[in-house]
């Protein structure tokens, strides 16, 4: 097993929830580091003096547990290992492999003194049945691929490599932890990403959705990859694919849009894409029409399309969107009159308005990026992120920051 590398922000979240009476569910795309995170947490428990026999750690995809097919056999197996009279820590990887697993989890909570941690590679883990059974008694921790800061920690660079060149590698290869083993070998890295993607499509989408068509799914993935950060809708996508002959749109003019919407929801459930809704800043309401789609990792986009720099503005948007999620913001696309703000990012007591652009070096570019922010009349922070290294730090109170500086800022120290 490769040496584990710490991911302190996520480990901290698990530690902060330790011994709280909530089931901790770590979700995320396959191979993004969920199992490694739980192994790091297991090691933390041991370092805190928790006896090893009070920690039950099982990866349900291992053949070791192939005989555990349903919640009853799973419950019996785990119950026999629980140490009575002590606090036990139950850590289960890929629990969706167990049919009816949520019934066993609820029984563990009721029958024993336990603290429970779960991982899963698709959103079916948080199904209606489970949500109903454990309403208000679980917390989801969404694990994303490597941030830019983590990317710098994971990979080895020569001392003379500039931060801009390192960021270029990040845009090209993405943040899937497994790629560290290939040392930026492009061909081998693409093969690794293709293997992960094929597993996600086969196991987390096609096997779990009857009557799904891999050809249609791949066409929609290609469309979304080609239109990262562009405003669209399932109907618009359906019309494009129907015109190409991918979908049969003759019997019912709405069938293409409904089909596309169903497939996009599958991709969201497998944590491949995020759809981001629009927010009317002046009207202070969520708009129900039109969204932007962002991919979980740029490596997958480059695997599908080949690496190209032509759409760099939207690629940078994708990086910023994922970073806002990592920092626990709720994210929307902002609408201000007839103009758009790239991101409205909210926390209970905080709000940010963010524009993302390759450069503000020309007067035309500056006006384009600043104008939507100037139209917003409230006093929340407004920021333009770009690849510029400029001495000008603000325009009329609107901050201008280097994107790479922003990505490397505001990070807390690792947990002790």
Protein backbone atom coordinates (compact mmCIF):
# COMPACT_ATOMS: atom_id res chain seq x y z
CA UNK A 1 0.00 0.00 0.00
CA UNK A 2 1.32 3.44 -0.95
CA UNK A 3 2.24 5.80 1.86
CA UNK A 4 -0.67 7.89 3.04
CA UNK A 5 -0.41 11.64 2.64
CA UNK A 6 -2.37 13.77 5.04
CA UNK A 7 -5.42 15.77 3.94
CA UNK A 8 -5.72 17.94 7.04
CA UNK A 9 -8.89 19.91 6.18
CA UNK A 10 -10.94 16.74 5.77
CA UNK A 11 -9.31 14.91 8.67
CA UNK A 12 -10.13 17.89 10.87
CA UNK A 13 -13.80 17.63 9.95
CA UNK A 14 -13.91 13.98 11.00
CA UNK A 15 -12.10 14.77 14.25
CA UNK A 16 -14.52 17.63 15.00
CA UNK A 17 -17.46 15.24 14.55
CA UNK A 18 -15.87 12.43 16.62
CA UNK A 19 -18.20 11.02 19.31
CA UNK A 20 -21.07 13.24 18.17
CA UNK A 21 -24.23 11.13 17.85
CA UNK A 22 -24.42 11.44 14.07
CA UNK A 23 -23.52 8.93 11.36
CA UNK A 24 -20.61 10.47 9.44
CA UNK A 25 -20.95 9.80 5.68
CA UNK A 26 -17.95 10.62 3.46
CA UNK A 27 -19.06 10.85 -0.17
CA UNK A 28 -17.15 11.48 -3.38
CA UNK A 29 -16.18 10.09 -6.76
CA UNK A 30 -14.25 6.82 -6.80
CA UNK A 31 -10.51 7.05 -6.09
CA UNK A 32 -10.65 10.59 -4.73
CA UNK A 33 -9.20 9.43 -1.40
CA UNK A 34 -12.15 8.39 0.79
CA UNK A 35 -10.61 5.11 1.96
CA UNK A 36 -7.27 6.81 2.63
CA UNK A 37 -9.04 9.48 4.67
CA UNK A 38 -10.74 6.88 6.85
CA UNK A 39 -7.41 5.06 7.30
CA UNK A 40 -5.89 8.37 8.42
CA UNK A 41 -8.77 8.73 10.87
CA UNK A 42 -8.25 5.17 12.14
CA UNK A 43 -4.59 6.01 12.78
CA UNK A 44 -5.69 9.17 14.61
CA UNK A 45 -7.96 7.09 16.85
CA UNK A 46 -5.06 4.76 17.68
CA UNK A 47 -2.84 7.75 18.46
CA UNK A 48 -5.51 8.97 20.87
CA UNK A 49 -5.31 5.70 22.78
CA UNK A 50 -8.39 3.94 21.38
CA UNK A 51 -7.78 0.16 21.64
CA UNK A 52 -7.38 -1.51 18.24
CA UNK A 53 -10.08 -4.07 18.98
CA UNK A 54 -12.57 -1.24 19.50
CA UNK A 55 -12.06 -0.07 15.90
CA UNK A 56 -13.86 -2.13 13.25
CA UNK A 57 -12.69 -1.05 9.77
CA UNK A 58 -14.14 -2.87 6.74
CA UNK A 59 -13.94 -2.20 3.00
CA UNK A 60 -17.05 -3.89 1.61
CA UNK A 61 -15.60 -4.11 -1.90
CA UNK A 62 -12.97 -6.57 -0.63
CA UNK A 63 -13.58 -10.25 -1.43
CA UNK A 64 -12.96 -10.85 2.26
CA UNK A 65 -16.55 -9.74 2.82
CA UNK A 66 -18.12 -11.26 -0.32
CA UNK A 67 -20.38 -13.45 1.83
CA UNK A 68 -22.04 -10.39 3.37
CA UNK A 69 -24.81 -9.72 0.86
CA UNK A 70 -27.56 -8.20 2.96
CA UNK A 71 -28.07 -6.15 6.10
CA UNK A 72 -28.81 -9.19 8.30
CA UNK A 73 -25.55 -11.05 7.58
CA UNK A 74 -23.70 -7.72 7.79
CA UNK A 75 -25.28 -6.89 11.15
CA UNK A 76 -24.48 -10.36 12.56
CA UNK A 77 -20.86 -10.19 11.37
CA UNK A 78 -20.18 -6.76 12.87
CA UNK A 79 -22.12 -7.35 16.08
CA UNK A 80 -19.93 -10.35 16.87
CA UNK A 81 -16.85 -8.11 16.77
CA UNK A 82 -18.15 -5.24 18.93
CA UNK A 83 -16.47 -5.01 22.35
CA UNK A 84 -19.13 -4.74 25.04
CA UNK A 85 -18.81 -2.07 27.71
CA UNK A 86 -16.58 0.11 25.51
CA UNK A 87 -17.06 2.80 22.89
CA UNK A 88 -16.62 1.18 19.47
CA UNK A 89 -15.72 2.95 16.22
CA UNK A 90 -17.29 1.45 13.10
CA UNK A 91 -15.64 2.44 9.80
CA UNK A 92 -17.21 1.08 6.61
CA UNK A 93 -15.89 1.73 3.06
CA UNK A 94 -18.22 1.46 0.03
CA UNK A 95 -21.19 0.45 2.13
CA UNK A 96 -23.57 0.64 -0.84
CA UNK A 97 -22.40 -2.92 -1.65
CA UNK A 98 -24.63 -4.21 1.19
CA UNK A 99 -28.33 -4.49 0.35
CA UNK A 100 -30.46 -2.71 2.96
CA UNK A 101 -27.35 -1.49 4.79
CA UNK A 102 -29.22 1.46 6.31
CA UNK A 103 -31.27 -0.91 8.51
CA UNK A 104 -28.08 -2.37 9.98
CA UNK A 105 -26.61 1.09 10.62
CA UNK A 106 -29.72 2.18 12.52
CA UNK A 107 -29.62 -1.03 14.58
CA UNK A 108 -25.97 -0.49 15.49
CA UNK A 109 -26.91 2.96 16.77
CA UNK A 110 -29.77 1.59 18.85
CA UNK A 111 -28.09 -1.57 20.17
CA UNK A 112 -24.48 -0.53 20.93
CA UNK A 113 -22.29 2.34 22.08
CA UNK A 114 -20.79 3.15 18.68
CA UNK A 115 -19.50 6.01 16.55
CA UNK A 116 -20.11 5.28 12.85
CA UNK A 117 -18.21 6.41 9.74
CA UNK A 118 -19.23 5.46 6.19
CA UNK A 119 -17.93 6.08 2.67
CA UNK A 120 -19.78 5.72 -0.61
CA UNK A 121 -19.08 6.43 -4.27
CA UNK A 122 -22.52 7.51 -5.33
CA UNK A 123 -25.40 9.56 -4.03
CA UNK A 124 -27.72 6.55 -3.89
CA UNK A 125 -26.04 6.05 -0.52
CA UNK A 126 -28.16 9.02 0.61
CA UNK A 127 -31.34 7.50 -0.77
CA UNK A 128 -34.83 8.48 0.28
CA UNK A 129 -35.09 5.34 2.42
CA UNK A 130 -31.93 6.14 4.32
CA UNK A 131 -32.80 9.80 4.71
CA UNK A 132 -36.18 8.81 6.13
CA UNK A 133 -34.70 6.23 8.49
CA UNK A 134 -31.99 8.53 9.86
CA UNK A 135 -33.61 11.93 9.46
CA UNK A 136 -31.44 14.51 11.22
CA UNK A 137 -29.02 11.86 12.48
CA UNK A 138 -26.27 11.94 9.86
CA UNK A 139 -23.79 14.42 8.44
CA UNK A 140 -22.40 14.30 4.90
CA UNK A 141 -18.75 15.21 4.33
CA UNK A 142 -18.14 15.66 0.61
CA UNK A 143 -14.59 14.68 -0.37
CA UNK A 144 -13.27 16.33 -3.52
CA UNK A 145 -10.10 15.65 -5.53
CA UNK A 146 -6.97 17.55 -4.54
CA UNK A 147 -7.07 21.31 -4.12
CA UNK A 148 -4.20 23.25 -5.69
CA UNK A 149 -2.50 23.46 -2.29
CA UNK A 150 -2.83 19.69 -1.81
CA UNK A 151 -1.61 19.15 -5.38
CA UNK A 152 1.60 21.01 -4.51
CA UNK A 153 2.04 18.87 -1.39
CA UNK A 154 1.32 15.58 -3.19
CA UNK A 155 3.64 16.09 -6.20
CA UNK A 156 7.39 16.60 -6.37
CA UNK A 157 8.66 19.62 -8.31
CA UNK A 158 12.15 20.91 -9.05
CA UNK A 159 13.01 24.05 -7.08
CA UNK A 160 13.16 26.14 -10.26
CA UNK A 161 9.56 25.39 -11.35
CA UNK A 162 7.44 28.54 -11.04
CA UNK A 163 4.04 28.65 -9.36
CA UNK A 164 2.51 29.43 -12.76
CA UNK A 165 4.01 26.28 -14.28
CA UNK A 166 2.82 24.22 -11.33
CA UNK A 167 -0.67 25.63 -11.79
CA UNK A 168 -0.51 24.74 -15.48
CA UNK A 169 0.18 21.12 -14.48
CA UNK A 170 -2.82 21.26 -12.15
CA UNK A 171 -5.06 22.44 -14.99
CA UNK A 172 -3.73 19.70 -17.27
CA UNK A 173 -3.66 16.69 -14.96
CA UNK A 174 -6.26 17.58 -12.35
CA UNK A 175 -6.31 16.49 -8.74
CA UNK A 176 -7.00 12.75 -8.59
CA UNK A 177 -4.54 11.43 -5.98
CA UNK A 178 -3.66 8.26 -7.94
CA UNK A 179 -1.87 10.34 -10.61
CA UNK A 180 0.94 11.07 -8.17
CA UNK A 181 2.33 7.63 -8.98
CA UNK A 182 2.78 8.54 -12.68
CA UNK A 183 4.95 11.66 -12.18
CA UNK A 184 3.14 13.66 -14.89
CA UNK A 185 3.43 10.92 -17.52
CA UNK A 186 0.54 12.05 -19.70
CA UNK A 187 -0.24 8.73 -21.43
CA UNK A 188 -0.22 6.68 -18.23
CA UNK A 189 -2.22 9.33 -16.38
CA UNK A 190 -4.92 9.29 -19.05
CA UNK A 191 -5.09 5.48 -18.85
CA UNK A 192 -5.58 5.71 -15.08
CA UNK A 193 -8.34 8.30 -15.45
CA UNK A 194 -10.03 6.20 -18.15
CA UNK A 195 -10.07 3.25 -15.77
CA UNK A 196 -11.66 5.29 -12.98
CA UNK A 197 -14.20 6.81 -15.36
CA UNK A 198 -15.15 3.40 -16.81
CA UNK A 199 -15.71 2.02 -13.31
CA UNK A 200 -17.89 4.98 -12.34
CA UNK A 201 -19.97 4.65 -15.52
CA UNK A 202 -20.37 0.89 -15.22
CA UNK A 203 -20.83 0.44 -11.46
CA UNK A 204 -22.28 3.73 -10.24
CA UNK A 205 -24.46 4.65 -13.22
CA UNK A 206 -25.34 1.89 -15.71
CA UNK A 207 -25.72 -0.96 -13.19
CA UNK A 208 -27.91 1.19 -10.96
CA UNK A 209 -30.15 2.66 -13.63
CA UNK A 210 -32.24 0.32 -15.74
CA UNK A 211 -32.76 1.21 -19.41
CA UNK A 212 -29.79 3.59 -19.44
CA UNK A 213 -27.81 3.84 -22.67
CA UNK A 214 -24.03 4.18 -22.50
CA UNK A 215 -23.88 5.82 -25.93
CA UNK A 216 -26.29 8.59 -24.87
CA UNK A 217 -24.49 8.98 -21.55
CA UNK A 218 -21.12 9.43 -23.26
CA UNK A 219 -22.59 11.97 -25.71
CA UNK A 220 -23.95 14.03 -22.83
CA UNK A 221 -20.63 13.83 -20.97
CA UNK A 222 -18.81 15.10 -24.07
CA UNK A 223 -21.29 17.95 -24.44
CA UNK A 224 -20.93 18.98 -20.79
CA UNK A 225 -17.13 18.76 -20.95
CA UNK A 226 -17.12 20.97 -24.05
CA UNK A 227 -19.44 23.51 -22.42
CA UNK A 228 -18.04 23.79 -18.88
CA UNK A 229 -19.31 26.98 -17.26
CA UNK A 230 -21.75 27.81 -20.07
CA UNK A 231 -25.37 28.57 -19.29
CA UNK A 232 -27.59 25.81 -20.64
CA UNK A 233 -30.58 23.60 -19.88
CA UNK A 234 -31.52 19.95 -20.49
CA UNK A 235 -33.84 21.07 -23.29
CA UNK A 236 -31.03 22.98 -25.00
CA UNK A 237 -28.69 20.01 -24.71
CA UNK A 238 -31.44 17.68 -25.92
CA UNK A 239 -32.05 19.84 -28.97
CA UNK A 240 -28.36 19.77 -29.89
CA UNK A 241 -28.11 16.00 -29.49
CA UNK A 242 -31.39 15.45 -31.34
CA UNK A 243 -30.09 17.52 -34.25
CA UNK A 244 -27.04 15.23 -34.30
CA UNK A 245 -29.31 12.18 -34.39
CA UNK A 246 -28.24 10.95 -30.92
CA UNK A 247 -31.78 11.18 -29.49
CA UNK A 248 -35.10 10.43 -31.14
CA UNK A 249 -37.11 13.62 -30.75
CA UNK A 250 -39.89 12.93 -33.27
CA UNK A 251 -42.61 11.46 -31.07
CA UNK A 252 -42.59 14.09 -28.35
CA UNK A 253 -40.78 17.41 -28.54
CA UNK A 254 -39.99 17.24 -24.78
CA UNK A 255 -38.58 13.71 -24.70
CA UNK A 256 -35.01 14.82 -25.44
CA UNK A 257 -34.93 17.34 -22.59
CA UNK A 258 -36.41 14.86 -20.11
CA UNK A 259 -33.93 12.19 -21.20
CA UNK A 260 -30.99 14.56 -20.84
CA UNK A 261 -32.20 15.70 -17.42
CA UNK A 262 -32.36 12.07 -16.25
CA UNK A 263 -28.81 11.37 -17.43
CA UNK A 264 -27.43 14.54 -15.87
CA UNK A 265 -28.95 13.50 -12.56
CA UNK A 266 -27.15 10.15 -12.90
CA UNK A 267 -23.86 11.97 -13.49
CA UNK A 268 -24.51 14.16 -10.45
CA UNK A 269 -25.28 11.09 -8.34
CA UNK A 270 -21.92 9.58 -9.33
CA UNK A 271 -20.24 12.89 -8.39
CA UNK A 272 -18.92 13.53 -11.92
CA UNK A 273 -20.74 16.82 -12.57
CA UNK A 274 -22.30 19.59 -10.50
CA UNK A 275 -25.16 21.69 -11.83
CA UNK A 276 -25.20 25.21 -10.37
CA UNK A 277 -28.41 27.23 -10.29
CA UNK A 278 -28.81 30.95 -10.83
CA UNK A 279 -29.59 33.53 -8.15
CA UNK A 280 -31.25 36.89 -8.81
CA UNK A 281 -29.11 39.22 -6.68
CA UNK A 282 -31.58 42.10 -6.71
CA UNK A 283 -34.70 39.97 -6.30
CA UNK A 284 -32.94 37.71 -3.77
CA UNK A 285 -34.45 34.53 -5.17
CA UNK A 286 -33.30 31.31 -6.84
CA UNK A 287 -34.17 31.14 -10.54
CA UNK A 288 -35.52 27.80 -11.76
CA UNK A 289 -34.39 27.99 -15.38
CA UNK A 290 -30.92 27.53 -16.84
CA UNK A 291 -27.82 26.29 -15.01
CA UNK A 292 -24.08 25.98 -15.44
CA UNK A 293 -22.34 22.61 -15.19
CA UNK A 294 -18.89 22.00 -13.72
CA UNK A 295 -16.87 18.78 -13.71
CA UNK A 296 -15.48 17.18 -10.56
CA UNK A 297 -11.91 17.18 -11.90
CA UNK A 298 -10.30 18.78 -14.94
CA UNK A 299 -8.26 15.62 -15.59
CA UNK A 300 -11.48 13.88 -16.65
CA UNK A 301 -12.36 16.74 -18.99
CA UNK A 302 -8.92 16.60 -20.59
CA UNK A 303 -9.20 12.82 -20.87
CA UNK A 304 -12.42 13.25 -22.87
CA UNK A 305 -11.44 16.20 -25.07
CA UNK A 306 -7.65 16.21 -25.06
CA UNK A 307 -5.85 19.00 -23.22
CA UNK A 308 -6.55 22.37 -24.78
CA UNK A 309 -6.18 25.88 -23.50
CA UNK A 310 -8.78 27.47 -25.78
CA UNK A 311 -11.51 27.79 -23.15
CA UNK A 312 -9.25 28.86 -20.30
CA UNK A 313 -11.71 31.30 -18.72
CA UNK A 314 -14.29 28.57 -18.09
CA UNK A 315 -11.56 26.15 -16.97
CA UNK A 316 -10.49 28.66 -14.32
CA UNK A 317 -14.14 29.04 -13.30
CA UNK A 318 -14.28 25.28 -12.71
CA UNK A 319 -11.25 25.49 -10.40
CA UNK A 320 -12.80 28.34 -8.41
CA UNK A 321 -16.18 26.59 -8.13
CA UNK A 322 -14.60 23.45 -6.62
CA UNK A 323 -12.49 25.55 -4.24
CA UNK A 324 -15.61 27.35 -2.99
CA UNK A 325 -17.19 23.96 -2.28
CA UNK A 326 -14.06 22.94 -0.35
CA UNK A 327 -14.41 26.08 1.74
CA UNK A 328 -18.00 25.14 2.63
CA UNK A 329 -19.78 27.78 0.59
CA UNK A 330 -23.17 27.31 -1.01
CA UNK A 331 -22.59 28.43 -4.59
CA UNK A 332 -24.87 30.03 -7.20
CA UNK A 333 -24.49 31.86 -10.49
CA UNK A 334 -25.45 35.51 -9.95
CA UNK A 335 -27.90 37.40 -12.16
CA UNK A 336 -27.79 41.21 -11.89
CA UNK A 337 -30.27 42.74 -14.31
CA UNK A 338 -29.10 41.64 -17.75
CA UNK A 339 -25.57 40.78 -16.58
CA UNK A 340 -24.10 37.75 -14.80
CA UNK A 341 -21.76 37.37 -11.84
CA UNK A 342 -19.73 34.18 -12.08
CA UNK A 343 -20.35 33.13 -8.46
CA UNK A 344 -22.41 34.13 -5.47
CA UNK A 345 -20.93 32.20 -2.53
CA UNK A 346 -22.81 32.07 0.77
CA UNK A 347 -22.34 30.91 4.33
CA UNK A 348 -24.81 31.61 7.15
CA UNK A 349 -23.01 34.85 8.07
CA UNK A 350 -20.99 35.58 4.94
CA UNK A 351 -21.44 36.28 1.24
CA UNK A 352 -18.95 36.75 -1.60
CA UNK A 353 -19.41 37.89 -5.18
CA UNK A 354 -16.67 36.56 -7.46
CA UNK A 355 -15.70 37.16 -11.07
CA UNK A 356 -13.13 34.87 -12.72
CA UNK A 357 -11.12 35.85 -15.78
CA UNK A 358 -7.83 35.03 -17.47
CA UNK A 359 -6.69 38.67 -17.42
CA UNK A 360 -7.82 42.21 -16.69
CA UNK A 361 -4.93 43.78 -18.58
CA UNK A 362 -7.10 45.53 -21.19
CA UNK A 363 -9.61 48.26 -20.44
CA UNK A 364 -12.32 46.26 -22.19
CA UNK A 365 -11.67 43.20 -19.99
CA UNK A 366 -11.66 45.31 -16.81
CA UNK A 367 -15.00 46.89 -17.68
CA UNK A 368 -16.54 43.53 -18.56
CA UNK A 369 -15.55 41.97 -15.22
CA UNK A 370 -16.17 44.99 -12.98
CA UNK A 371 -19.52 46.11 -14.40
CA UNK A 372 -21.71 43.34 -12.88
CA UNK A 373 -20.08 43.81 -9.47
CA UNK A 374 -20.58 47.59 -9.59
CA UNK A 375 -24.31 47.01 -10.15
CA UNK A 376 -24.62 45.18 -6.81
CA UNK A 377 -25.60 47.67 -4.12
CA UNK A 378 -25.00 45.69 -0.93
CA UNK A 379 -21.80 45.79 1.13
CA UNK A 380 -20.66 42.17 0.85
CA UNK A 381 -17.15 41.49 -0.46
CA UNK A 382 -16.65 41.60 -4.22
CA UNK A 383 -13.59 40.00 -5.83
CA UNK A 384 -12.14 39.56 -9.31
CA UNK A 385 -9.76 36.60 -9.62
CA UNK A 386 -7.33 36.48 -12.55
CA UNK A 387 -3.93 35.18 -13.56
CA UNK A 388 -2.55 38.74 -13.49
CA UNK A 389 0.23 39.80 -11.13
CA UNK A 390 -0.79 43.42 -10.73
CA UNK A 391 0.08 46.06 -8.16
CA UNK A 392 -3.49 47.40 -8.41
CA UNK A 393 -5.40 45.68 -5.61
CA UNK A 394 -8.85 47.22 -5.98
CA UNK A 395 -11.15 49.22 -8.25
CA UNK A 396 -13.82 51.24 -6.41
CA UNK A 397 -13.65 48.83 -3.46
CA UNK A 398 -13.74 45.71 -5.65
CA UNK A 399 -10.73 43.54 -4.81
CA UNK A 400 -8.51 42.12 -7.55
CA UNK A 401 -6.51 39.06 -6.54
CA UNK A 402 -4.17 36.61 -8.19
CA UNK A 403 -6.06 33.33 -8.60
CA UNK A 404 -3.12 31.21 -7.47
CA UNK A 405 -2.62 33.41 -4.38
CA UNK A 406 -6.32 33.05 -3.55
CA UNK A 407 -6.18 29.25 -3.97
CA UNK A 408 -3.25 29.05 -1.55
CA UNK A 409 -4.74 31.40 1.04
CA UNK A 410 -7.19 30.94 3.91
CA UNK A 411 -6.05 27.45 4.81
CA UNK A 412 -6.02 26.42 8.48
CA UNK A 413 -3.08 24.51 9.98
CA UNK A 414 -3.24 20.73 10.15
CA UNK A 415 -4.97 19.13 13.14
CA UNK A 416 -2.76 18.05 15.99
